[in-house]
Structures are given as C-alpha cells and as structure tokens.
C-alpha cells in the first residue's frame, strides 16, 4: 500500500509513449494528491519523441510537440541536472537503460515505473535504493491504496470518452489490456459495471 507520504516515481519512456497509460497516471495523480510524485528526465522525453516518430513517421511536428507538452504537464519534476556517467551500481542487462538507473539515483526515486524487464535496469534489485514496478502493478497499487479516488478517476475517464468524445462504449478496459495492464483493466471493468448499471 502507498501511504500518504509522497513516493517518488521515476517514469520511463515506454510508459510515457502510451497515451492510455499517461491518461491514467494523470487522473490517478490528480485524485490522490500527495500520494506519489512523478519524475522523468530530458533523456526519457527524447526517447519518447523517437518512439513516437518511429511509430508515426509522417506525423507532423505538432503531434510530437503536443506529447512533450503533455508530459511536462503530467510530470512533477523533469530532471535537468547531469547524472553520473560512471556508476558502478548499474548491473542491468541493457546498457541503453543506464540513463534510467542513473537518473533515478540522482533523483532519489523510490520506484522506477517501466514496462521493460526489471533485469534490463538492474540484476541486483536488493542492492538498489529503488524498486522497479510495471504499469499494471503500479495502477493496481494506487487503486488498492485509494479505492475511492480510483473510482472517481474511472468515472472521469468514462465520462470524458463517452460524452466529450461521443463514444457509446469507450472500451477503457480494452485499451488498458492493449497497454499491458490486464489486472487494472479488471478493476476498471468492475467499477464500470456499477457505473453503467
């Protein structure tokens, strides 16, 4: 359970590249003030831009710029200070994730929120000052820690997509499953059953 003391959560690029996951983080953070603080780095934002550009090679710059703007609005902190480029504490199997480890160390993060394999970032989790948590587990943890706030966030998401976007069935659960969050999708499904009926 997440207590009322803010937990520092460093968010990786594969979370921020997903509109579904960003939307849920935004709504849950707004409904649970003081529960967690979201952090990322300039390097992570650059990686998000690269990922989106690869996925949508003909997208206009405005789409990329809009995502960067949303990330900056969502984050409580974007690290701008340089991190240590020679940390012996990095034991991950993917050297391309060194910057995530180093930034989380610099930011004194308690969690790294990522859908990468945890071993990409560290093979010695007990020796690290942070825990690695996948999006599905994190969203479920927030829901377990603040069930009423989670229900409010679910209701907001449903109303936004159903009314503002004029969708009779916004398929919130389906989008969550596609984003790799089947357990949280089940929580949303159960809550929506009450809302709808």
N, C-alpha and C. Protein backbone atom coordinates (compact mmCIF):
# COMPACT_ATOMS: atom_id res chain seq x y z
N UNK A 1 0.85 -1.20 0.00
CA UNK A 1 0.00 0.00 0.00
C UNK A 1 0.88 1.25 0.00
N UNK A 2 0.45 2.25 -0.74
CA UNK A 2 1.12 3.54 -0.74
C UNK A 2 0.52 4.38 0.38
N UNK A 3 1.37 4.85 1.28
CA UNK A 3 0.86 5.68 2.37
C UNK A 3 0.75 7.13 1.89
N UNK A 4 0.40 8.02 2.80
CA UNK A 4 0.16 9.42 2.41
C UNK A 4 1.44 10.21 2.15
N UNK A 5 2.60 9.66 2.53
CA UNK A 5 3.87 10.33 2.25
C UNK A 5 4.14 10.20 0.74
N UNK A 6 4.46 11.29 0.05
CA UNK A 6 4.67 11.18 -1.40
C UNK A 6 5.79 10.21 -1.76
N UNK A 7 5.51 9.31 -2.67
CA UNK A 7 6.51 8.38 -3.18
C UNK A 7 7.05 8.95 -4.49
N UNK A 8 8.36 8.96 -4.63
CA UNK A 8 9.00 9.49 -5.83
C UNK A 8 9.05 8.39 -6.88
N UNK A 9 8.37 8.62 -8.00
CA UNK A 9 8.24 7.61 -9.04
C UNK A 9 8.86 8.14 -10.33
N UNK A 10 9.95 7.50 -10.75
CA UNK A 10 10.61 7.88 -12.00
C UNK A 10 9.94 7.12 -13.14
N UNK A 11 9.46 7.85 -14.15
CA UNK A 11 8.66 7.27 -15.23
C UNK A 11 9.51 7.09 -16.49
N UNK A 12 9.53 5.87 -16.99
CA UNK A 12 10.34 5.53 -18.17
C UNK A 12 9.58 5.85 -19.46
N UNK A 13 10.31 5.83 -20.56
CA UNK A 13 9.77 6.23 -21.86
C UNK A 13 8.63 5.34 -22.34
N UNK A 14 8.72 4.03 -22.06
CA UNK A 14 7.67 3.14 -22.58
C UNK A 14 6.32 3.37 -21.90
N UNK A 15 6.31 4.05 -20.78
CA UNK A 15 5.06 4.45 -20.13
C UNK A 15 4.55 5.74 -20.78
N UNK A 16 5.44 6.70 -20.96
CA UNK A 16 5.04 8.00 -21.49
C UNK A 16 4.72 7.96 -22.98
N UNK A 17 5.17 6.93 -23.67
CA UNK A 17 4.84 6.81 -25.09
C UNK A 17 3.43 6.29 -25.30
N UNK A 18 2.80 5.83 -24.23
CA UNK A 18 1.43 5.30 -24.31
C UNK A 18 0.44 6.35 -23.83
N UNK A 19 -0.45 6.77 -24.71
CA UNK A 19 -1.47 7.75 -24.31
C UNK A 19 -2.36 7.18 -23.22
N UNK A 20 -2.70 5.90 -23.33
CA UNK A 20 -3.56 5.25 -22.33
C UNK A 20 -2.93 5.34 -20.94
N UNK A 21 -1.67 4.96 -20.82
CA UNK A 21 -1.01 4.98 -19.51
C UNK A 21 -0.84 6.40 -18.99
N UNK A 22 -0.52 7.33 -19.89
CA UNK A 22 -0.39 8.73 -19.46
C UNK A 22 -1.72 9.27 -18.92
N UNK A 23 -2.81 8.95 -19.61
CA UNK A 23 -4.13 9.41 -19.16
C UNK A 23 -4.44 8.90 -17.75
N UNK A 24 -4.18 7.61 -17.53
CA UNK A 24 -4.50 7.04 -16.22
C UNK A 24 -3.59 7.61 -15.12
N UNK A 25 -2.32 7.79 -15.43
CA UNK A 25 -1.42 8.41 -14.44
C UNK A 25 -1.90 9.80 -14.09
N UNK A 26 -2.30 10.56 -15.10
CA UNK A 26 -2.78 11.93 -14.88
C UNK A 26 -4.00 11.93 -13.97
N UNK A 27 -4.98 11.13 -14.28
CA UNK A 27 -6.22 11.13 -13.49
C UNK A 27 -5.98 10.61 -12.07
N UNK A 28 -5.20 9.55 -11.94
CA UNK A 28 -4.95 9.00 -10.61
C UNK A 28 -4.11 9.93 -9.76
N UNK A 29 -3.13 10.59 -10.36
CA UNK A 29 -2.33 11.54 -9.58
C UNK A 29 -3.19 12.70 -9.10
N UNK A 30 -4.08 13.19 -9.97
CA UNK A 30 -4.94 14.31 -9.58
C UNK A 30 -5.93 13.94 -8.50
N UNK A 31 -6.32 12.67 -8.45
CA UNK A 31 -7.29 12.22 -7.45
C UNK A 31 -6.63 11.78 -6.14
N UNK A 32 -5.31 11.65 -6.16
CA UNK A 32 -4.60 11.21 -4.95
C UNK A 32 -3.47 12.18 -4.61
N UNK A 33 -3.78 13.45 -4.37
CA UNK A 33 -2.71 14.42 -4.11
C UNK A 33 -1.86 14.00 -2.91
N UNK A 34 -0.56 14.10 -3.11
CA UNK A 34 0.37 13.77 -2.03
C UNK A 34 0.74 12.30 -1.95
N UNK A 35 0.12 11.45 -2.76
CA UNK A 35 0.44 10.02 -2.68
C UNK A 35 1.73 9.70 -3.43
N UNK A 36 1.87 10.25 -4.65
CA UNK A 36 3.10 9.99 -5.40
C UNK A 36 3.46 11.21 -6.24
N UNK A 37 4.75 11.35 -6.47
CA UNK A 37 5.30 12.43 -7.29
C UNK A 37 5.94 11.80 -8.52
N UNK A 38 5.59 12.30 -9.69
CA UNK A 38 6.09 11.74 -10.93
C UNK A 38 7.32 12.51 -11.42
N UNK A 39 8.36 11.75 -11.73
CA UNK A 39 9.62 12.33 -12.21
C UNK A 39 9.99 11.69 -13.55
N UNK A 40 10.71 12.42 -14.36
CA UNK A 40 11.33 11.84 -15.54
C UNK A 40 12.55 12.69 -15.88
N UNK A 41 13.17 12.43 -17.01
CA UNK A 41 14.36 13.18 -17.40
C UNK A 41 14.24 13.65 -18.85
N UNK A 42 15.11 14.56 -19.22
CA UNK A 42 15.15 15.02 -20.62
C UNK A 42 15.47 13.87 -21.56
N UNK A 43 16.36 12.97 -21.13
CA UNK A 43 16.70 11.82 -21.96
C UNK A 43 15.49 10.93 -22.22
N UNK A 44 14.67 10.73 -21.20
CA UNK A 44 13.47 9.91 -21.36
C UNK A 44 12.52 10.58 -22.34
N UNK A 45 12.34 11.89 -22.22
CA UNK A 45 11.44 12.60 -23.13
C UNK A 45 11.96 12.50 -24.57
N UNK A 46 13.26 12.59 -24.74
CA UNK A 46 13.86 12.42 -26.08
C UNK A 46 13.56 11.03 -26.62
N UNK A 47 13.63 10.02 -25.76
CA UNK A 47 13.33 8.64 -26.17
C UNK A 47 11.86 8.49 -26.56
N UNK A 48 10.97 9.18 -25.85
CA UNK A 48 9.54 9.15 -26.19
C UNK A 48 9.34 9.74 -27.59
N UNK A 49 9.97 10.86 -27.85
CA UNK A 49 9.85 11.51 -29.18
C UNK A 49 10.33 10.56 -30.27
N UNK A 50 11.44 9.90 -30.03
CA UNK A 50 11.99 8.95 -31.01
C UNK A 50 11.02 7.80 -31.25
N UNK A 51 10.43 7.27 -30.16
CA UNK A 51 9.49 6.15 -30.26
C UNK A 51 8.26 6.55 -31.07
N UNK A 52 7.72 7.72 -30.77
CA UNK A 52 6.52 8.18 -31.49
C UNK A 52 6.85 8.43 -32.96
N UNK A 53 8.00 9.01 -33.22
CA UNK A 53 8.40 9.28 -34.60
C UNK A 53 8.56 7.98 -35.38
N UNK A 54 9.11 6.95 -34.75
CA UNK A 54 9.26 5.65 -35.42
C UNK A 54 7.90 5.03 -35.70
N UNK A 55 6.96 5.22 -34.78
CA UNK A 55 5.63 4.63 -34.93
C UNK A 55 4.80 5.39 -35.97
N UNK A 56 4.99 6.70 -35.99
CA UNK A 56 4.23 7.56 -36.91
C UNK A 56 5.21 8.43 -37.70
N UNK A 57 5.90 7.86 -38.67
CA UNK A 57 6.96 8.60 -39.37
C UNK A 57 6.49 9.83 -40.12
N UNK A 58 5.20 9.87 -40.48
CA UNK A 58 4.70 11.02 -41.24
C UNK A 58 3.90 11.99 -40.37
N UNK A 59 3.93 11.78 -39.07
CA UNK A 59 3.19 12.67 -38.17
C UNK A 59 3.83 14.06 -38.19
N UNK A 60 3.00 15.07 -38.06
CA UNK A 60 3.53 16.44 -38.03
C UNK A 60 4.25 16.70 -36.72
N UNK A 61 5.11 17.71 -36.74
CA UNK A 61 5.84 18.07 -35.53
C UNK A 61 4.90 18.45 -34.40
N UNK A 62 3.72 18.95 -34.74
CA UNK A 62 2.79 19.40 -33.71
C UNK A 62 2.34 18.23 -32.83
N UNK A 63 2.24 17.02 -33.41
CA UNK A 63 1.86 15.85 -32.61
C UNK A 63 2.94 15.53 -31.59
N UNK A 64 4.19 15.56 -32.02
CA UNK A 64 5.31 15.30 -31.11
C UNK A 64 5.36 16.39 -30.04
N UNK A 65 5.24 17.64 -30.47
CA UNK A 65 5.31 18.75 -29.52
C UNK A 65 4.17 18.70 -28.50
N UNK A 66 3.00 18.26 -28.95
CA UNK A 66 1.86 18.15 -28.05
C UNK A 66 2.12 17.09 -26.98
N UNK A 67 2.73 15.96 -27.39
CA UNK A 67 3.05 14.91 -26.42
C UNK A 67 4.06 15.42 -25.41
N UNK A 68 5.08 16.12 -25.87
CA UNK A 68 6.08 16.68 -24.95
C UNK A 68 5.42 17.64 -23.97
N UNK A 69 4.52 18.46 -24.47
CA UNK A 69 3.81 19.40 -23.60
C UNK A 69 2.98 18.66 -22.55
N UNK A 70 2.31 17.59 -22.97
CA UNK A 70 1.51 16.81 -22.02
C UNK A 70 2.38 16.14 -20.97
N UNK A 71 3.54 15.64 -21.40
CA UNK A 71 4.46 15.02 -20.45
C UNK A 71 4.89 16.05 -19.41
N UNK A 72 5.24 17.25 -19.87
CA UNK A 72 5.68 18.30 -18.95
C UNK A 72 4.57 18.71 -18.00
N UNK A 73 3.32 18.68 -18.47
CA UNK A 73 2.19 18.99 -17.60
C UNK A 73 1.95 17.88 -16.58
N UNK A 74 2.18 16.63 -16.99
CA UNK A 74 1.95 15.49 -16.12
C UNK A 74 3.02 15.35 -15.05
N UNK A 75 4.26 15.62 -15.42
CA UNK A 75 5.37 15.40 -14.51
C UNK A 75 5.43 16.47 -13.42
N UNK A 76 5.75 16.04 -12.23
CA UNK A 76 6.02 16.99 -11.15
C UNK A 76 7.45 17.51 -11.25
N UNK A 77 8.30 16.69 -11.87
CA UNK A 77 9.71 17.08 -11.98
C UNK A 77 10.33 16.47 -13.23
N UNK A 78 10.97 17.31 -14.04
CA UNK A 78 11.77 16.84 -15.17
C UNK A 78 13.21 17.16 -14.83
N UNK A 79 14.01 16.13 -14.68
CA UNK A 79 15.40 16.31 -14.25
C UNK A 79 16.20 16.98 -15.36
N UNK A 80 16.87 18.03 -15.00
CA UNK A 80 17.70 18.75 -15.97
C UNK A 80 19.18 18.67 -15.60
N UNK A 81 19.48 18.28 -14.35
CA UNK A 81 20.88 18.17 -13.94
C UNK A 81 21.52 16.93 -14.54
N UNK A 82 22.81 17.02 -14.77
CA UNK A 82 23.53 15.88 -15.32
C UNK A 82 23.62 14.77 -14.28
N UNK A 83 23.50 13.52 -14.76
CA UNK A 83 23.68 12.38 -13.86
C UNK A 83 25.08 11.83 -14.01
N UNK A 84 25.47 11.01 -13.07
CA UNK A 84 26.81 10.41 -13.06
C UNK A 84 26.92 9.41 -14.21
N UNK A 85 27.90 9.59 -15.05
CA UNK A 85 28.09 8.71 -16.20
C UNK A 85 28.96 7.51 -15.93
N UNK A 86 29.33 7.30 -14.65
CA UNK A 86 30.26 6.21 -14.33
C UNK A 86 29.86 5.51 -13.04
N UNK A 87 28.58 5.14 -12.94
CA UNK A 87 28.11 4.48 -11.72
C UNK A 87 28.42 2.98 -11.76
N UNK A 88 29.09 2.50 -10.74
CA UNK A 88 29.36 1.06 -10.66
C UNK A 88 28.13 0.29 -10.21
N UNK A 89 27.12 1.01 -9.73
CA UNK A 89 25.90 0.34 -9.23
C UNK A 89 25.00 -0.17 -10.35
N UNK A 90 25.27 0.21 -11.60
CA UNK A 90 24.45 -0.27 -12.71
C UNK A 90 24.81 -1.71 -13.02
N UNK A 91 23.84 -2.61 -12.87
CA UNK A 91 24.06 -4.03 -13.17
C UNK A 91 23.05 -4.53 -14.20
N UNK A 92 22.37 -3.61 -14.88
CA UNK A 92 21.34 -4.00 -15.84
C UNK A 92 21.91 -4.72 -17.04
N UNK A 93 21.05 -5.50 -17.69
CA UNK A 93 21.47 -6.25 -18.86
C UNK A 93 21.37 -5.42 -20.14
N UNK A 94 20.75 -4.25 -20.08
CA UNK A 94 20.60 -3.39 -21.26
C UNK A 94 21.30 -2.05 -20.98
N UNK A 95 22.46 -1.86 -21.55
CA UNK A 95 23.23 -0.63 -21.33
C UNK A 95 22.44 0.61 -21.74
N UNK A 96 21.48 0.45 -22.65
CA UNK A 96 20.66 1.58 -23.07
C UNK A 96 19.72 2.07 -21.98
N UNK A 97 19.60 1.30 -20.91
CA UNK A 97 18.80 1.72 -19.76
C UNK A 97 19.66 2.29 -18.63
N UNK A 98 20.94 2.46 -18.90
CA UNK A 98 21.82 3.07 -17.88
C UNK A 98 21.28 4.44 -17.47
N UNK A 99 20.83 5.23 -18.45
CA UNK A 99 20.38 6.60 -18.15
C UNK A 99 19.18 6.59 -17.20
N UNK A 100 18.33 5.56 -17.28
CA UNK A 100 17.18 5.46 -16.38
C UNK A 100 17.66 5.20 -14.96
N UNK A 101 18.56 4.25 -14.81
CA UNK A 101 19.14 3.94 -13.50
C UNK A 101 19.82 5.17 -12.91
N UNK A 102 20.68 5.80 -13.70
CA UNK A 102 21.46 6.94 -13.21
C UNK A 102 20.57 8.12 -12.83
N UNK A 103 19.54 8.38 -13.63
CA UNK A 103 18.62 9.48 -13.33
C UNK A 103 17.82 9.19 -12.07
N UNK A 104 17.38 7.94 -11.90
CA UNK A 104 16.63 7.56 -10.70
C UNK A 104 17.50 7.68 -9.45
N UNK A 105 18.77 7.35 -9.57
CA UNK A 105 19.70 7.52 -8.44
C UNK A 105 19.84 9.01 -8.12
N UNK A 106 20.05 9.81 -9.15
CA UNK A 106 20.21 11.26 -8.96
C UNK A 106 18.97 11.87 -8.32
N UNK A 107 17.79 11.39 -8.71
CA UNK A 107 16.53 11.96 -8.24
C UNK A 107 16.07 11.35 -6.91
N UNK A 108 16.82 10.39 -6.40
CA UNK A 108 16.46 9.64 -5.19
C UNK A 108 15.05 9.04 -5.30
N UNK A 109 14.76 8.51 -6.48
CA UNK A 109 13.45 7.89 -6.74
C UNK A 109 13.30 6.61 -5.92
N UNK A 110 12.06 6.36 -5.50
CA UNK A 110 11.77 5.13 -4.77
C UNK A 110 11.27 4.03 -5.70
N UNK A 111 10.72 4.44 -6.84
CA UNK A 111 10.23 3.48 -7.84
C UNK A 111 10.71 3.92 -9.22
N UNK A 112 10.96 2.93 -10.06
CA UNK A 112 11.09 3.17 -11.50
C UNK A 112 9.88 2.51 -12.13
N UNK A 113 9.05 3.32 -12.76
CA UNK A 113 7.84 2.83 -13.42
C UNK A 113 8.17 2.54 -14.87
N UNK A 114 8.19 1.26 -15.23
CA UNK A 114 8.60 0.86 -16.57
C UNK A 114 7.93 -0.44 -16.96
N UNK A 115 7.73 -0.64 -18.25
CA UNK A 115 7.25 -1.93 -18.73
C UNK A 115 8.38 -2.75 -19.33
N UNK A 116 9.62 -2.29 -19.15
CA UNK A 116 10.78 -3.11 -19.51
C UNK A 116 10.92 -4.25 -18.50
N UNK A 117 11.70 -5.26 -18.88
CA UNK A 117 12.05 -6.29 -17.90
C UNK A 117 12.89 -5.60 -16.82
N UNK A 118 12.66 -5.94 -15.58
CA UNK A 118 13.40 -5.30 -14.49
C UNK A 118 14.91 -5.55 -14.62
N UNK A 119 15.28 -6.71 -15.17
CA UNK A 119 16.70 -7.03 -15.31
C UNK A 119 17.39 -6.14 -16.35
N UNK A 120 16.61 -5.47 -17.23
CA UNK A 120 17.22 -4.52 -18.16
C UNK A 120 17.90 -3.39 -17.39
N UNK A 121 17.33 -3.04 -16.23
CA UNK A 121 17.83 -1.91 -15.44
C UNK A 121 18.74 -2.36 -14.31
N UNK A 122 18.40 -3.48 -13.67
CA UNK A 122 19.27 -3.99 -12.62
C UNK A 122 19.08 -5.50 -12.44
N UNK A 123 20.17 -6.20 -12.26
CA UNK A 123 20.10 -7.62 -11.93
C UNK A 123 20.35 -7.83 -10.44
N UNK A 124 20.52 -6.71 -9.72
CA UNK A 124 20.72 -6.77 -8.27
C UNK A 124 19.71 -5.85 -7.57
N UNK A 125 18.42 -6.18 -7.65
CA UNK A 125 17.40 -5.28 -7.12
C UNK A 125 17.52 -5.00 -5.63
N UNK A 126 18.00 -5.96 -4.87
CA UNK A 126 18.12 -5.76 -3.42
C UNK A 126 19.19 -4.74 -3.05
N UNK A 127 20.10 -4.47 -3.99
CA UNK A 127 21.17 -3.51 -3.74
C UNK A 127 20.81 -2.10 -4.18
N UNK A 128 19.64 -1.92 -4.77
CA UNK A 128 19.28 -0.61 -5.31
C UNK A 128 18.37 0.15 -4.35
N UNK A 129 18.43 1.48 -4.37
CA UNK A 129 17.57 2.28 -3.49
C UNK A 129 16.14 2.42 -4.01
N UNK A 130 15.88 1.87 -5.19
CA UNK A 130 14.55 1.95 -5.79
C UNK A 130 14.02 0.55 -6.05
N UNK A 131 12.72 0.46 -6.26
CA UNK A 131 12.07 -0.76 -6.71
C UNK A 131 11.57 -0.52 -8.13
N UNK A 132 11.61 -1.56 -8.93
CA UNK A 132 11.09 -1.45 -10.29
C UNK A 132 9.67 -2.00 -10.30
N UNK A 133 8.76 -1.23 -10.90
CA UNK A 133 7.36 -1.63 -10.91
C UNK A 133 6.77 -1.41 -12.29
N UNK A 134 6.01 -2.41 -12.75
CA UNK A 134 5.34 -2.31 -14.06
C UNK A 134 4.08 -1.47 -13.92
N UNK A 135 3.61 -0.95 -15.03
CA UNK A 135 2.44 -0.08 -15.03
C UNK A 135 1.22 -0.77 -14.41
N UNK A 136 0.97 -2.01 -14.78
CA UNK A 136 -0.19 -2.72 -14.26
C UNK A 136 -0.13 -2.82 -12.74
N UNK A 137 1.02 -3.19 -12.22
CA UNK A 137 1.18 -3.32 -10.76
C UNK A 137 1.06 -1.97 -10.07
N UNK A 138 1.60 -0.93 -10.69
CA UNK A 138 1.53 0.40 -10.08
C UNK A 138 0.09 0.91 -10.03
N UNK A 139 -0.63 0.79 -11.14
CA UNK A 139 -2.02 1.26 -11.16
C UNK A 139 -2.86 0.48 -10.16
N UNK A 140 -2.63 -0.81 -10.05
CA UNK A 140 -3.36 -1.62 -9.06
C UNK A 140 -3.00 -1.21 -7.64
N UNK A 141 -1.73 -0.88 -7.42
CA UNK A 141 -1.29 -0.44 -6.10
C UNK A 141 -1.98 0.86 -5.70
N UNK A 142 -2.08 1.79 -6.64
CA UNK A 142 -2.78 3.05 -6.36
C UNK A 142 -4.26 2.77 -6.08
N UNK A 143 -4.86 1.89 -6.87
CA UNK A 143 -6.28 1.55 -6.68
C UNK A 143 -6.51 0.91 -5.32
N UNK A 144 -5.58 0.06 -4.91
CA UNK A 144 -5.70 -0.61 -3.60
C UNK A 144 -5.50 0.39 -2.46
N UNK A 145 -4.60 1.34 -2.66
CA UNK A 145 -4.28 2.31 -1.61
C UNK A 145 -5.36 3.38 -1.47
N UNK A 146 -6.03 3.70 -2.57
CA UNK A 146 -7.05 4.77 -2.55
C UNK A 146 -8.22 4.36 -3.44
N UNK A 147 -9.03 3.38 -3.00
CA UNK A 147 -10.10 2.86 -3.86
C UNK A 147 -11.14 3.91 -4.26
N UNK A 148 -11.48 4.80 -3.34
CA UNK A 148 -12.49 5.82 -3.67
C UNK A 148 -11.95 6.77 -4.74
N UNK A 149 -10.71 7.19 -4.59
CA UNK A 149 -10.08 8.08 -5.58
C UNK A 149 -9.98 7.39 -6.93
N UNK A 150 -9.68 6.09 -6.92
CA UNK A 150 -9.59 5.33 -8.17
C UNK A 150 -10.96 5.28 -8.85
N UNK A 151 -12.01 5.07 -8.09
CA UNK A 151 -13.35 5.05 -8.67
C UNK A 151 -13.70 6.40 -9.30
N UNK A 152 -13.29 7.48 -8.65
CA UNK A 152 -13.53 8.81 -9.22
C UNK A 152 -12.78 8.98 -10.54
N UNK A 153 -11.54 8.50 -10.58
CA UNK A 153 -10.74 8.60 -11.80
C UNK A 153 -11.37 7.77 -12.92
N UNK A 154 -11.85 6.60 -12.59
CA UNK A 154 -12.51 5.74 -13.58
C UNK A 154 -13.76 6.43 -14.12
N UNK A 155 -14.54 7.02 -13.22
CA UNK A 155 -15.75 7.72 -13.62
C UNK A 155 -15.41 8.89 -14.56
N UNK A 156 -14.36 9.64 -14.23
CA UNK A 156 -13.93 10.77 -15.07
C UNK A 156 -13.52 10.30 -16.47
N UNK A 157 -12.74 9.22 -16.50
CA UNK A 157 -12.31 8.69 -17.80
C UNK A 157 -13.51 8.23 -18.62
N UNK A 158 -14.44 7.55 -17.97
CA UNK A 158 -15.63 7.08 -18.68
C UNK A 158 -16.43 8.26 -19.23
N UNK A 159 -16.65 9.27 -18.40
CA UNK A 159 -17.44 10.42 -18.83
C UNK A 159 -16.75 11.18 -19.96
N UNK A 160 -15.43 11.31 -19.86
CA UNK A 160 -14.69 12.02 -20.91
C UNK A 160 -14.86 11.33 -22.25
N UNK A 161 -14.58 10.03 -22.28
CA UNK A 161 -14.61 9.31 -23.55
C UNK A 161 -16.04 9.07 -24.04
N UNK A 162 -16.97 8.86 -23.11
CA UNK A 162 -18.35 8.59 -23.51
C UNK A 162 -19.08 9.85 -23.95
N UNK A 163 -18.87 10.95 -23.25
CA UNK A 163 -19.62 12.16 -23.54
C UNK A 163 -18.83 13.13 -24.42
N UNK A 164 -17.64 13.52 -23.96
CA UNK A 164 -16.87 14.50 -24.72
C UNK A 164 -16.47 13.98 -26.10
N UNK A 165 -16.13 12.70 -26.16
CA UNK A 165 -15.72 12.11 -27.44
C UNK A 165 -16.88 11.43 -28.16
N UNK A 166 -18.07 11.48 -27.55
CA UNK A 166 -19.29 10.93 -28.14
C UNK A 166 -19.14 9.44 -28.50
N UNK A 167 -18.60 8.67 -27.55
CA UNK A 167 -18.46 7.23 -27.74
C UNK A 167 -19.45 6.52 -26.82
N UNK A 168 -20.27 5.65 -27.38
CA UNK A 168 -21.23 4.93 -26.53
C UNK A 168 -20.53 3.90 -25.66
N UNK A 169 -19.45 3.33 -26.18
CA UNK A 169 -18.66 2.38 -25.39
C UNK A 169 -17.19 2.76 -25.55
N UNK A 170 -16.63 3.46 -24.56
CA UNK A 170 -15.24 3.93 -24.72
C UNK A 170 -14.17 2.84 -24.69
N UNK A 171 -14.56 1.61 -24.30
CA UNK A 171 -13.63 0.47 -24.29
C UNK A 171 -12.39 0.74 -23.43
N UNK A 172 -12.60 1.32 -22.26
CA UNK A 172 -11.47 1.62 -21.38
C UNK A 172 -10.67 0.37 -21.03
N UNK A 173 -11.39 -0.70 -20.75
CA UNK A 173 -10.71 -1.95 -20.35
C UNK A 173 -9.86 -2.48 -21.50
N UNK A 174 -10.42 -2.43 -22.72
CA UNK A 174 -9.71 -2.94 -23.89
C UNK A 174 -8.40 -2.18 -24.12
N UNK A 175 -8.46 -0.86 -23.98
CA UNK A 175 -7.25 -0.05 -24.16
C UNK A 175 -6.21 -0.37 -23.09
N UNK A 176 -6.66 -0.61 -21.87
CA UNK A 176 -5.72 -0.96 -20.80
C UNK A 176 -5.06 -2.32 -21.06
N UNK A 177 -5.82 -3.28 -21.52
CA UNK A 177 -5.23 -4.59 -21.84
C UNK A 177 -4.18 -4.44 -22.93
N UNK A 178 -4.49 -3.65 -23.97
CA UNK A 178 -3.52 -3.41 -25.05
C UNK A 178 -2.27 -2.72 -24.53
N UNK A 179 -2.42 -1.89 -23.48
CA UNK A 179 -1.28 -1.18 -22.89
C UNK A 179 -0.54 -2.04 -21.86
N UNK A 180 -0.95 -3.30 -21.72
CA UNK A 180 -0.24 -4.21 -20.82
C UNK A 180 -0.72 -4.19 -19.38
N UNK A 181 -1.98 -3.78 -19.18
CA UNK A 181 -2.50 -3.67 -17.81
C UNK A 181 -3.79 -4.47 -17.62
N UNK A 182 -3.73 -5.80 -17.76
CA UNK A 182 -4.95 -6.60 -17.63
C UNK A 182 -5.55 -6.60 -16.22
N UNK A 183 -4.71 -6.57 -15.19
CA UNK A 183 -5.24 -6.58 -13.81
C UNK A 183 -5.98 -5.28 -13.50
N UNK A 184 -5.39 -4.15 -13.90
CA UNK A 184 -6.07 -2.88 -13.67
C UNK A 184 -7.31 -2.78 -14.55
N UNK A 185 -7.26 -3.36 -15.74
CA UNK A 185 -8.43 -3.37 -16.62
C UNK A 185 -9.59 -4.07 -15.93
N UNK A 186 -9.30 -5.11 -15.17
CA UNK A 186 -10.35 -5.83 -14.44
C UNK A 186 -10.96 -4.95 -13.35
N UNK A 187 -10.12 -4.17 -12.67
CA UNK A 187 -10.62 -3.22 -11.66
C UNK A 187 -11.54 -2.20 -12.33
N UNK A 188 -11.11 -1.69 -13.47
CA UNK A 188 -11.92 -0.72 -14.21
C UNK A 188 -13.23 -1.35 -14.67
N UNK A 189 -13.15 -2.57 -15.16
CA UNK A 189 -14.35 -3.27 -15.62
C UNK A 189 -15.39 -3.39 -14.50
N UNK A 190 -14.93 -3.81 -13.31
CA UNK A 190 -15.85 -3.97 -12.18
C UNK A 190 -16.47 -2.64 -11.75
N UNK A 191 -15.68 -1.59 -11.79
CA UNK A 191 -16.18 -0.28 -11.42
C UNK A 191 -17.17 0.23 -12.47
N UNK A 192 -16.85 0.03 -13.74
CA UNK A 192 -17.73 0.49 -14.82
C UNK A 192 -19.05 -0.27 -14.82
N UNK A 193 -19.02 -1.52 -14.40
CA UNK A 193 -20.27 -2.29 -14.32
C UNK A 193 -21.25 -1.59 -13.37
N UNK A 194 -20.73 -1.06 -12.27
CA UNK A 194 -21.57 -0.33 -11.31
C UNK A 194 -22.04 0.98 -11.93
N UNK A 195 -21.13 1.70 -12.61
CA UNK A 195 -21.48 2.99 -13.23
C UNK A 195 -22.56 2.80 -14.29
N UNK A 196 -22.39 1.79 -15.15
CA UNK A 196 -23.31 1.58 -16.26
C UNK A 196 -24.66 1.04 -15.80
N UNK A 197 -24.65 0.23 -14.76
CA UNK A 197 -25.89 -0.44 -14.36
C UNK A 197 -26.26 -0.07 -12.94
